[in-house]
Every structure is written in structure tokens, then in C-alpha cells.
Protein backbone atom coordinates (compact mmCIF):
# COMPACT_ATOMS: atom_id res chain seq x y z
CA MET A 1 -11.34 12.22 -6.88
CA SER A 2 -13.68 13.26 -3.94
CA ARG A 3 -13.14 12.49 0.16
CA SER A 4 -14.89 13.61 2.50
CA PRO A 5 -13.21 16.44 4.76
CA GLY A 6 -11.89 15.69 8.27
CA THR A 7 -10.72 12.08 7.09
CA ASP A 8 -7.36 10.22 6.58
CA HIS A 9 -6.42 9.91 3.41
CA VAL A 10 -5.31 6.18 2.22
CA VAL A 11 -2.14 4.95 1.10
CA LEU A 12 -2.14 1.60 -0.34
CA LEU A 13 0.92 -0.45 0.07
CA VAL A 14 0.98 -3.13 -2.54
CA SER A 15 3.58 -6.30 -2.08
CA SER A 16 4.29 -8.95 -4.44
CA ASN A 17 5.17 -12.33 -3.29
CA GLY A 18 8.67 -12.56 -3.21
CA ALA A 19 10.66 -15.71 -1.89
CA GLY A 20 10.69 -14.08 1.98
CA MET A 21 9.06 -10.81 3.76
CA GLY A 22 11.25 -8.36 2.37
CA HIS A 23 8.83 -6.51 0.14
CA LEU A 24 6.07 -6.55 2.77
CA THR A 25 8.32 -5.43 5.85
CA ARG A 26 9.82 -2.66 3.29
CA LEU A 27 6.17 -1.34 3.03
CA LEU A 28 5.41 -1.31 6.44
CA ALA A 29 8.44 0.59 7.57
CA TYR A 30 7.14 3.16 5.16
CA GLY A 31 3.42 3.12 6.23
CA ARG A 32 4.68 3.32 10.05
CA ARG A 33 6.32 6.46 8.86
CA LEU A 34 3.72 8.41 7.26
CA PRO A 35 2.46 11.41 8.86
CA ASP A 36 -0.89 11.97 10.66
CA GLY A 37 -3.59 12.40 7.94
CA LEU A 38 -2.30 9.54 5.89
CA ARG A 39 -3.34 5.96 6.76
CA PRO A 40 -1.72 2.76 5.44
CA HIS A 41 -3.38 -0.29 4.11
CA VAL A 42 -1.86 -3.07 2.84
CA VAL A 43 -2.79 -5.83 0.30
CA SER A 44 -0.38 -8.21 -0.42
CA LEU A 45 0.22 -11.45 -2.10
CA SER A 46 2.81 -12.58 0.69
CA GLN A 47 0.71 -15.32 3.15
CA ALA A 48 2.81 -13.29 5.75
CA VAL A 49 0.66 -10.33 5.47
CA PRO A 50 -1.36 -10.74 8.87
CA VAL A 51 1.77 -9.50 10.70
CA VAL A 52 0.94 -6.17 9.80
CA GLY A 53 -2.27 -6.21 11.60
CA GLY A 54 0.09 -6.26 14.64
CA TYR A 55 1.08 -2.41 13.57
CA GLY A 56 -2.52 -1.42 13.52
CA VAL A 57 -2.50 -1.79 9.89
CA PRO A 58 -5.65 -3.15 7.83
CA TRP A 59 -4.66 -5.76 5.40
CA GLU A 60 -6.00 -8.01 2.49
CA TYR A 61 -4.61 -10.91 0.86
CA LEU A 62 -4.70 -11.38 -2.73
CA PRO A 63 -3.29 -14.72 -3.39
CA SER A 64 -0.49 -15.52 -5.82
CA LYS A 65 -0.84 -17.37 -8.74
CA ASP A 66 1.08 -20.27 -7.14
CA ALA A 67 -0.97 -20.37 -4.14
CA THR A 68 -4.15 -20.52 -6.22
CA GLY A 69 -2.90 -23.11 -8.82
CA MET A 70 -4.10 -20.74 -11.70
CA ASP A 71 -2.49 -20.43 -14.99
CA SER A 72 -0.89 -17.48 -16.18
CA GLY A 73 -3.82 -15.99 -17.45
CA GLU A 74 -6.33 -16.73 -15.08
CA TRP A 75 -4.43 -15.22 -12.24
CA ARG A 76 -3.86 -12.13 -14.40
CA TRP A 77 -7.16 -11.51 -14.33
CA LEU A 78 -7.77 -12.18 -10.82
CA PHE A 79 -5.24 -10.11 -9.93
CA ALA A 80 -6.41 -6.72 -12.32
CA GLU A 81 -10.04 -7.35 -10.84
CA ARG A 82 -9.07 -7.56 -7.09
CA MET A 83 -6.60 -4.57 -7.56
CA ARG A 84 -9.17 -2.16 -9.57
CA GLU A 85 -11.98 -3.16 -6.90
CA ALA A 86 -9.37 -2.12 -4.06
CA VAL A 87 -8.51 1.05 -5.78
CA GLN A 88 -11.89 1.74 -6.50
CA ARG A 89 -13.34 1.25 -2.76
CA LEU A 90 -10.38 2.75 -1.02
CA ARG A 91 -10.00 5.85 -3.31
CA PRO A 92 -6.24 6.24 -1.94
CA ALA A 93 -4.35 9.23 -2.58
CA VAL A 94 -0.83 7.25 -3.38
CA LEU A 95 -0.63 3.38 -4.11
CA VAL A 96 2.99 2.09 -3.72
CA PHE A 97 3.97 -1.26 -5.46
CA ASP A 98 7.13 -2.77 -3.93
CA GLY A 99 8.32 -5.52 -6.04
CA THR A 100 10.89 -6.24 -9.09
CA HIS A 101 8.11 -6.91 -11.50
CA PRO A 102 5.09 -4.73 -11.54
CA TYR A 103 2.06 -6.75 -12.77
CA ALA A 104 -0.24 -6.49 -15.94
CA GLY A 105 -3.40 -5.20 -14.27
CA LEU A 106 -1.73 -2.48 -11.72
CA ASP A 107 -1.61 0.06 -14.90
CA ALA A 108 -5.46 -0.38 -15.59
CA ALA A 109 -6.41 -0.07 -12.42
CA LEU A 110 -4.28 3.19 -11.72
CA ALA A 111 -5.80 4.33 -15.25
CA ALA A 112 -9.11 3.93 -14.17
CA SER A 113 -8.40 6.23 -10.54
CA PRO A 114 -6.50 9.35 -12.29
CA GLY A 115 -6.64 10.94 -8.49
CA THR A 116 -4.30 8.29 -7.15
CA ARG A 117 -0.41 8.94 -7.42
CA ALA A 118 1.34 6.10 -7.78
CA VAL A 119 4.91 4.91 -6.55
CA TRP A 120 7.15 1.72 -7.59
CA SER A 121 9.44 0.89 -4.53
CA ARG A 122 12.15 -0.66 -6.29
CA ARG A 123 15.10 -2.51 -5.00
CA ALA A 124 18.39 -2.78 -6.41
CA MET A 125 21.54 -4.92 -6.32
CA TRP A 126 19.72 -7.03 -9.43
CA LYS A 127 22.26 -9.62 -11.13
CA PRO A 128 23.40 -8.62 -14.27
CA GLY A 129 21.46 -8.63 -17.36
CA ARG A 130 18.07 -9.76 -15.43
CA ASN A 131 14.78 -8.63 -15.38
CA THR A 132 15.87 -5.36 -17.78
CA HIS A 133 12.55 -5.59 -19.45
CA GLN A 134 10.76 -4.30 -16.72
CA LEU A 135 12.18 -1.03 -16.38
CA ALA A 136 9.86 0.46 -18.73
CA LYS A 137 6.80 -0.07 -16.16
CA ALA A 138 8.57 2.77 -14.69
CA ALA A 139 5.85 4.55 -17.11
CA TRP A 140 2.77 3.43 -14.91
CA PHE A 141 4.26 5.42 -11.96
CA ASP A 142 4.66 9.42 -10.91
CA ALA A 143 7.92 8.30 -9.02
CA VAL A 144 10.24 5.32 -8.44
CA LEU A 145 11.92 4.84 -5.30
CA GLU A 146 14.98 2.89 -4.64
CA PRO A 147 15.76 1.76 -1.21
CA GLY A 148 19.14 2.13 -0.76
CA ASP A 149 21.81 -1.04 -0.27
CA LEU A 150 24.99 -0.45 1.36
CA ALA A 151 26.55 -2.53 -1.10
CA ALA A 152 25.48 -0.09 -3.43
CA ASP A 153 28.95 0.22 -4.90
CA ALA A 154 28.91 -3.52 -5.84
CA ASP A 155 25.62 -3.11 -8.16
CA ARG A 156 26.30 -3.96 -11.54
CA GLY A 157 22.49 -4.65 -12.18
CA ALA A 158 20.03 -3.43 -14.83
CA THR A 159 18.54 -0.26 -12.25
CA VAL A 160 22.06 1.41 -12.03
CA GLY A 161 22.10 4.81 -13.48
CA THR A 162 18.40 4.62 -14.00
CA ASP A 163 16.34 7.74 -13.04
CA ALA A 164 14.89 6.98 -9.16
CA HIS A 165 14.22 8.82 -5.77
CA ARG A 166 17.12 7.00 -3.70
CA VAL A 167 16.62 6.89 -0.12
CA GLY A 168 19.09 5.48 2.54
CA PRO A 169 19.03 1.93 3.65
CA VAL A 170 15.32 0.69 4.73
CA THR A 171 14.87 -1.29 7.74
CA LEU A 172 11.75 -1.41 9.62
CA VAL A 173 13.27 -1.14 13.26
CA ASP A 174 15.95 1.74 14.43
CA PRO A 175 18.51 0.70 17.16
CA ALA A 176 16.62 3.08 19.60
CA GLU A 177 13.70 0.86 19.55
CA CYS A 178 15.89 -2.38 19.96
CA SER A 179 15.70 -4.33 23.29
CA ASP A 180 18.97 -4.97 25.57
CA ARG A 181 19.94 -8.75 25.49
CA ALA A 182 18.35 -9.86 29.12
CA THR A 183 14.80 -8.14 27.50
CA ALA A 184 15.09 -9.76 24.60
CA ARG A 185 16.09 -13.03 25.65
CA ARG A 186 12.99 -12.93 27.96
CA ALA A 187 10.87 -12.01 25.06
CA LEU A 188 12.05 -15.00 23.08
CA GLY A 189 12.37 -17.26 25.25
CA LEU A 190 15.72 -18.10 25.24
CA PRO A 191 18.55 -19.22 28.26
CA ALA A 192 19.68 -16.21 29.94
CA GLU A 193 23.17 -17.45 30.14
CA GLY A 194 25.58 -18.39 27.23
CA PRO A 195 26.45 -17.88 23.40
CA LEU A 196 23.71 -17.80 21.15
CA ALA A 197 23.72 -17.78 17.24
CA LEU A 198 20.75 -16.96 15.06
CA VAL A 199 21.00 -19.06 11.92
CA SER A 200 18.61 -17.95 9.06
CA LEU A 201 19.49 -19.45 5.90
CA GLY A 202 16.25 -20.55 4.79
CA ALA A 203 14.84 -24.16 4.28
CA GLY A 204 17.47 -26.63 5.35
CA ASN A 205 18.25 -30.10 7.17
CA ILE A 206 19.60 -29.75 10.76
CA ASN A 207 20.75 -32.99 10.80
CA ASP A 208 22.87 -33.17 7.71
CA THR A 209 26.54 -32.02 7.36
CA ALA A 210 26.47 -31.36 3.74
CA ASP A 211 23.56 -29.06 4.23
CA GLU A 212 24.32 -25.33 4.77
CA VAL A 213 21.99 -25.48 7.84
CA GLY A 214 23.49 -28.61 9.18
CA ALA A 215 27.01 -27.76 8.40
CA ALA A 216 26.27 -24.42 10.42
CA VAL A 217 24.73 -26.26 13.70
CA ARG A 218 27.68 -28.43 13.82
CA ALA A 219 30.42 -25.80 13.48
CA LEU A 220 28.26 -23.71 16.22
CA ALA A 221 27.85 -26.62 18.52
CA ALA A 222 31.68 -27.55 18.29
CA ARG A 223 32.39 -24.17 20.13
CA GLY A 224 29.49 -24.27 22.49
CA VAL A 225 27.23 -22.09 20.60
CA GLY A 226 23.35 -22.76 21.08
CA VAL A 227 21.46 -22.01 17.76
CA CYS A 228 18.33 -20.22 17.21
CA VAL A 229 16.09 -20.97 14.05
CA THR A 230 12.98 -19.22 12.94
CA GLN A 231 11.61 -22.28 11.07
CA ALA A 232 9.46 -24.86 12.77
CA GLY A 233 10.30 -27.54 10.21
CA ILE A 234 14.27 -27.19 11.15
CA ALA A 235 13.44 -26.90 14.57
CA GLU A 236 11.31 -30.35 14.88
CA GLN A 237 14.35 -31.83 13.33
CA ALA A 238 16.36 -31.09 16.46
CA ALA A 239 14.18 -32.93 18.79
CA GLY A 240 16.03 -34.09 22.26
CA ARG A 241 18.61 -31.24 21.77
CA ASP A 242 19.07 -28.67 24.11
CA ASP A 243 21.37 -26.34 22.13
CA VAL A 244 18.95 -25.31 19.18
CA HIS A 245 15.70 -23.13 19.90
CA LEU A 246 12.78 -21.88 17.87
CA VAL A 247 12.28 -18.37 17.97
CA ARG A 248 9.06 -16.83 16.52
CA HIS A 249 8.65 -13.16 17.02
CA PHE A 250 7.92 -10.56 14.29
CA PRO A 251 9.79 -8.50 13.64
CA ILE A 252 13.11 -10.71 15.35
CA SER A 253 14.99 -7.37 14.59
CA GLU A 254 13.67 -5.78 17.62
CA HIS A 255 15.49 -8.71 19.75
CA LEU A 256 18.77 -9.09 17.48
CA ALA A 257 20.76 -8.07 21.25
CA ALA A 258 19.59 -11.85 21.93
CA PHE A 259 22.28 -13.19 20.07
CA ASP A 260 26.06 -13.03 19.98
CA VAL A 261 26.54 -14.06 16.23
CA ALA A 262 24.66 -14.75 13.27
CA ILE A 263 24.96 -17.05 10.34
CA ALA A 264 22.12 -15.63 7.75
CA ALA A 265 21.60 -15.50 3.68
CA ALA A 266 22.37 -11.69 2.13
CA GLY A 267 18.96 -10.89 1.00
CA TYR A 268 17.85 -7.21 1.65
CA ASN A 269 16.33 -7.09 5.19
CA SER A 270 18.44 -9.65 6.82
CA PHE A 271 21.79 -7.98 5.52
CA HIS A 272 20.75 -4.46 6.66
CA GLU A 273 19.22 -5.53 9.59
CA HIS A 274 22.28 -7.04 11.10
CA LEU A 275 24.74 -4.37 9.71
CA ARG A 276 22.39 -1.67 10.64
CA LEU A 277 21.65 -3.25 14.33
CA GLY A 278 25.16 -4.43 15.13
CA LEU A 279 25.11 -8.25 14.79
CA PRO A 280 28.10 -10.12 14.31
CA THR A 281 27.37 -11.56 11.14
CA LEU A 282 28.63 -14.57 8.40
CA PHE A 283 26.83 -13.90 5.19
CA VAL A 284 26.35 -17.26 3.01
CA PRO A 285 24.28 -16.00 0.28
CA ASN A 286 21.93 -17.53 -1.59
CA ASP A 287 23.10 -17.49 -5.03
CA ALA A 288 19.96 -19.66 -6.19
CA THR A 289 17.73 -15.97 -6.00
CA SER A 290 16.54 -15.26 -9.79
CA LEU A 291 17.33 -11.69 -9.36
CA ASP A 292 18.75 -10.60 -5.85
CA ASP A 293 22.47 -10.29 -5.97
CA GLN A 294 22.95 -11.49 -2.75
CA VAL A 295 26.78 -12.76 -3.58
CA ALA A 296 27.90 -9.36 -4.69
CA ARG A 297 26.20 -8.05 -1.48
CA ALA A 298 27.75 -10.07 0.89
CA GLU A 299 31.21 -9.67 -0.72
CA HIS A 300 31.10 -6.31 -0.59
CA ALA A 301 30.42 -6.39 3.35
CA ALA A 302 33.48 -8.58 4.04
CA ALA A 303 35.42 -6.17 1.61
CA ARG A 304 34.74 -3.46 3.74
CA GLY A 305 35.32 -5.39 6.92
CA TRP A 306 31.75 -5.17 7.86
CA ALA A 307 30.96 -8.89 7.79
CA LEU A 308 32.26 -12.04 6.93
CA SER A 309 31.12 -14.43 3.70
CA ALA A 310 31.52 -17.48 2.73
CA ARG A 311 29.86 -19.12 -0.36
CA THR A 312 29.48 -22.35 1.78
CA LEU A 313 30.07 -23.73 5.11
CA THR A 314 29.87 -27.29 4.11
CA ASP A 315 32.87 -29.85 3.76
CA ASP A 316 33.99 -28.98 7.28
CA ARG A 317 34.73 -25.31 6.14
CA GLY A 318 32.14 -24.21 8.55
CA ARG A 319 34.69 -24.50 11.74
CA ALA A 320 36.97 -22.10 10.56
CA ALA A 321 34.29 -19.60 9.39
CA VAL A 322 32.82 -19.90 13.00
CA ASP A 323 36.08 -19.28 14.56
CA THR A 324 36.83 -16.02 12.90
CA LEU A 325 33.58 -15.05 13.49
CA LEU A 326 33.83 -15.60 17.40
CA GLU A 327 36.98 -13.79 17.49
CA ARG A 328 36.22 -10.88 14.68
CA GLY A 329 32.62 -10.69 14.97
CA PRO A 330 32.25 -7.99 17.34
CA SER A 331 34.91 -5.51 15.97
CA LEU A 332 33.23 -6.02 12.47
CA ALA A 333 29.77 -5.24 13.76
CA ALA A 334 31.13 -2.11 15.38
CA ALA A 335 32.47 -1.02 11.94
CA ALA A 336 29.59 -1.39 10.23
CA ARG A 337 27.68 0.74 12.65
CA SER A 338 30.13 3.56 12.38
CA ALA A 339 29.25 3.62 8.72
CA ASP A 340 25.50 3.57 9.00
CA PRO A 341 24.14 5.88 7.02
CA GLY A 342 20.71 6.02 9.13
CA ASN A 343 17.31 4.64 8.14
CA GLY A 344 15.95 5.33 4.83
CA ALA A 345 12.30 4.99 5.60
CA GLY A 346 11.60 8.04 6.86
CA ALA A 347 12.70 9.97 3.57
CA ALA A 348 10.53 7.30 1.84
CA ALA A 349 7.65 8.20 3.80
CA THR A 350 8.12 11.81 3.40
CA LEU A 351 8.22 11.14 -0.59
CA VAL A 352 4.88 9.52 -0.40
CA ALA A 353 3.17 12.18 1.63
CA SER A 354 4.48 15.03 -0.87
CA LEU A 355 2.99 12.66 -3.59
CA ALA A 356 -0.18 12.62 -1.16
CA GLU A 357 -0.08 16.23 -0.72
CA GLY A 358 -0.95 16.69 -4.45
CA ALA A 359 -3.29 14.36 -4.50
CA ARG A 360 -5.75 16.02 -2.37
């Protein structure tokens, strides 16, 4: 594979869709730490992909099967063709796919570009017995990269013991990049005074106390704590309330100092951002995920004294949990910060760079 002398070499970052932004954000964490001479370029199935443009990274949107309405066979053909075209056009030194299910067609695109090295960025903490058939696809790649998990000791999934290049837990930002409380609140348009909580539990009904979001809001309001949500649909339900605020910013992790506490699901991103960056958190794991073992992750953090964990906040259990969070949260967050092994994103970028060197 020939490339013009003096030009940057492309690292093609490909993300699956997923239920949130974890895959895309993790790739951006790698991409922004690549050394000079390597230029990240994103192709993503996530509709949130335009956010990478804020980091000066070029991007392309490849609609998922659900977004196109195609049947599986039609979409697999579309994916294969788009990936083949992107690899031929960009001639990447390295392709990094982040996801737990490498799509058919990716192997063909790589086979047609023998000068491109390939990395499977594969988060662990799979639910026991799930997704085992995907492990054989490691043969498509030159390396398997596993972003670390602070709850790795509780992992009982299929990736445990498999060959992988393991790095520390990956977050997009580091503590030194985060704003202080006053700056964060100004940036997010939040009140300068008074306690505030970030509630990040996915979709929910703020007015329904039988719903996790509604139960969280009720428990926080009972203690005089304002609520901040990131979904406009949830915020709209709170019309007329001055204790519920919509926050819009990517990445919100830059401004976590705006919040005194958080009530959040235990997905990879929020879990590691909150623990690494010191936000006192009550995790309410989403057990409806198809693969991510959020329950094991949250309960491990609670057992280590880094955070609180509750399977539900409904039936008035939220009030006791919030009381404990307000009382013990700062000491739990300090314990989590003291156990922080550092950001694995730099080590991941180093692995990618070493493969790129071999591809040049």
C-alpha cells in the first residue's frame, strides 16, 4: 500500500451503534491521543457521530439496520460496501473497530486491503454465557484491545482469560482537563448556588414515582437537591419546575464538578467517568442490557466502597438511598479517586501507533 510521502497516515475508527455513546466516545479517547503523523477518521453507526467534529476529527455516518429499516441481508450488503469503499478511499494504516459484535463485511474490507492493520477494541464485563460465538472473530484482527474495567475482578463473562492487549480504564478526559465547580456551572447554565444532582438513568418519566427517574427526582427534591438531566424529553415533563434543569454539553465529563452527587446507570462510560473524576454516585444498574453486566459492575463498586448501588429506587427506597448518598458520597468518591489506576487511553493509542508503524 503506497502513501504520499510527508502526509499523515489515517487511523480509521469504526464504532458500532450500541445503546449509548460508549463505543464512539472510547474511540475518540484513543484518537485524540494519537501521536503526530497519525490522523483519526471516524465512521460510526451512531447518530451522535457529529460530536467528534468538535475535536476536529472528520467523520462519516453509516446508518444502522434499525435506522435504515432494511432487513438484515440488505443492511449487511450496505455495511460491507460502505466499509470496502471507505478503506479503499482512505487507505488507513490501522482500522480500529469498537464493539462487541464485529459485523460481517468488515472482514472482507480488511482482506481487500492487506496493508491495513486491524484492532478489535472489545469492552469486557459481558453477561455470563452471552455472545461467546463472537470470540472467533478475533482472527479478523491483528490485535484485540481490551479497555480496562474497574470492576474486572467481578467479571464472569466470556472474554475473561482470552488473549488481549489490556490497558487501564478508558475515559475521554482526565482530571486535569476538568473545570472547577463555578466554571462548570456557568458553562452549563446552572444556578451558582445550591446542591445539584446529575440524574442519568436513560429514558424515564420524571412525574411517575413508580419509574426510576421519577423516584430519583422525588427523593432528591425531598432533600432540597436540584435535578439535572441530559435528555430534553425528560426535562420537558418538568415544565414549571425550577428545580429541574436540562444540561447539554459533550462531553459532560468536563463539567462533572457542577454536580454534588449523581444517580446514574452503570454503563462503561458513566461508571468510569464518575469514579475516576470523583463524582459521588449512586448507581442504579440497567439489567435490561443484552450484554453489558451493569449489575456486577455497580455491586463491585459498592463492595469496594467507591460508590453506592441500588437495584431500584421505587417504593420509597430512593429516599433512604439519597440520604446515604448525601452523607457518605464524598468519602466514597475520595476512595474511588485514590484507587484510580489512570487513563488507559494513552496506552491504547500507543498500541495503535505501533501497528501503524509496521504498516507504513
